[in-house]
């Protein structure tokens, strides 16, 4: 019995992570909701300066932080990630 492996190309699905796109997306969503960084960071349970650094693209948010921010924005984490992906694709 032979097992053949075919090499799959997933390169068309690769999206390179972009801290700036994450920050722009979160800032745009926050502004659309009409809330300050203080309010959003409070709802998310993170420090305001942490949110500021994420929005400025100076700090990479881990998934737990993105999850908290998504919940604070009243959206599913998958929706936030999809919007971030769209922002990256639009600006690449």
Protein backbone atom coordinates (compact mmCIF):
# COMPACT_ATOMS: atom_id res chain seq x y z
CA UNK A 1 0.00 0.00 0.00
CA UNK A 2 1.36 3.40 -1.01
CA UNK A 3 0.38 6.71 0.42
CA UNK A 4 0.80 9.71 -1.78
CA UNK A 5 0.96 13.19 -0.43
CA UNK A 6 0.19 16.12 -2.58
CA UNK A 7 1.69 19.43 -1.66
CA UNK A 8 -1.02 22.01 -1.22
CA UNK A 9 -0.46 25.66 -1.86
CA UNK A 10 -2.12 27.87 0.69
CA UNK A 11 -0.18 31.01 -0.16
CA UNK A 12 -3.24 32.71 -1.58
CA UNK A 13 -4.85 32.45 1.85
CA UNK A 14 -1.96 33.95 3.77
CA UNK A 15 -2.61 37.30 5.33
CA UNK A 16 0.35 38.91 6.98
CA UNK A 17 -0.32 40.36 10.40
CA UNK A 18 -0.30 44.14 10.51
CA UNK A 19 -0.45 45.92 13.88
CA UNK A 20 -1.43 49.17 12.18
CA UNK A 21 -4.45 47.56 10.52
CA UNK A 22 -5.55 46.11 13.86
CA UNK A 23 -5.27 49.53 15.46
CA UNK A 24 -7.09 51.32 12.63
CA UNK A 25 -9.93 48.80 12.74
CA UNK A 26 -10.38 49.06 16.50
CA UNK A 27 -10.16 52.88 16.45
CA UNK A 28 -12.72 53.10 13.61
CA UNK A 29 -15.13 50.79 15.42
CA UNK A 30 -14.68 52.69 18.68
CA UNK A 31 -15.31 56.02 16.96
CA UNK A 32 -18.42 54.65 15.21
CA UNK A 33 -19.74 53.60 18.62
CA UNK A 34 -18.95 57.08 19.91
CA UNK A 35 -16.97 55.91 22.92
CA UNK A 36 -13.68 57.15 24.29
CA UNK A 37 -10.59 55.07 24.87
CA UNK A 38 -11.28 55.31 28.59
CA UNK A 39 -14.75 53.83 28.20
CA UNK A 40 -13.75 51.06 25.77
CA UNK A 41 -10.72 50.05 27.79
CA UNK A 42 -12.90 49.97 30.92
CA UNK A 43 -15.47 47.72 29.27
CA UNK A 44 -12.67 45.50 27.92
CA UNK A 45 -10.88 45.34 31.26
CA UNK A 46 -7.56 46.56 29.88
CA UNK A 47 -5.50 49.65 30.65
CA UNK A 48 -6.22 52.74 28.56
CA UNK A 49 -2.55 53.12 27.62
CA UNK A 50 -2.59 49.50 26.42
CA UNK A 51 -5.54 50.30 24.13
CA UNK A 52 -3.76 53.46 22.96
CA UNK A 53 -0.66 51.47 22.01
CA UNK A 54 -2.79 48.90 20.15
CA UNK A 55 -4.68 51.61 18.25
CA UNK A 56 -1.41 53.31 17.33
CA UNK A 57 0.04 50.04 16.05
CA UNK A 58 2.80 50.15 18.68
CA UNK A 59 1.72 46.98 20.48
CA UNK A 60 0.53 43.65 19.17
CA UNK A 61 -2.68 42.53 20.85
CA UNK A 62 -2.88 38.88 21.77
CA UNK A 63 -6.04 36.91 21.08
CA UNK A 64 -7.36 37.28 24.62
CA UNK A 65 -7.09 41.06 24.34
CA UNK A 66 -8.79 41.06 20.92
CA UNK A 67 -11.53 38.87 22.43
CA UNK A 68 -12.06 41.38 25.27
CA UNK A 69 -12.09 44.33 22.88
CA UNK A 70 -14.58 42.58 20.57
CA UNK A 71 -16.89 41.90 23.51
CA UNK A 72 -16.59 45.52 24.65
CA UNK A 73 -17.55 46.59 21.11
CA UNK A 74 -20.59 44.25 21.32
CA UNK A 75 -19.39 41.97 18.54
CA UNK A 76 -18.08 38.45 18.13
CA UNK A 77 -14.30 38.04 18.07
CA UNK A 78 -14.62 36.40 14.65
CA UNK A 79 -16.35 39.55 13.35
CA UNK A 80 -13.51 41.71 14.63
CA UNK A 81 -10.91 39.43 13.06
CA UNK A 82 -12.82 39.47 9.74
CA UNK A 83 -12.85 43.29 9.78
CA UNK A 84 -9.12 43.33 10.54
CA UNK A 85 -8.49 40.93 7.64
CA UNK A 86 -10.53 43.15 5.32
CA UNK A 87 -8.52 46.19 6.43
CA UNK A 88 -5.24 44.36 5.76
CA UNK A 89 -6.38 43.18 2.33
CA UNK A 90 -7.67 46.63 1.41
CA UNK A 91 -4.37 48.29 2.27
CA UNK A 92 -1.96 45.71 0.86
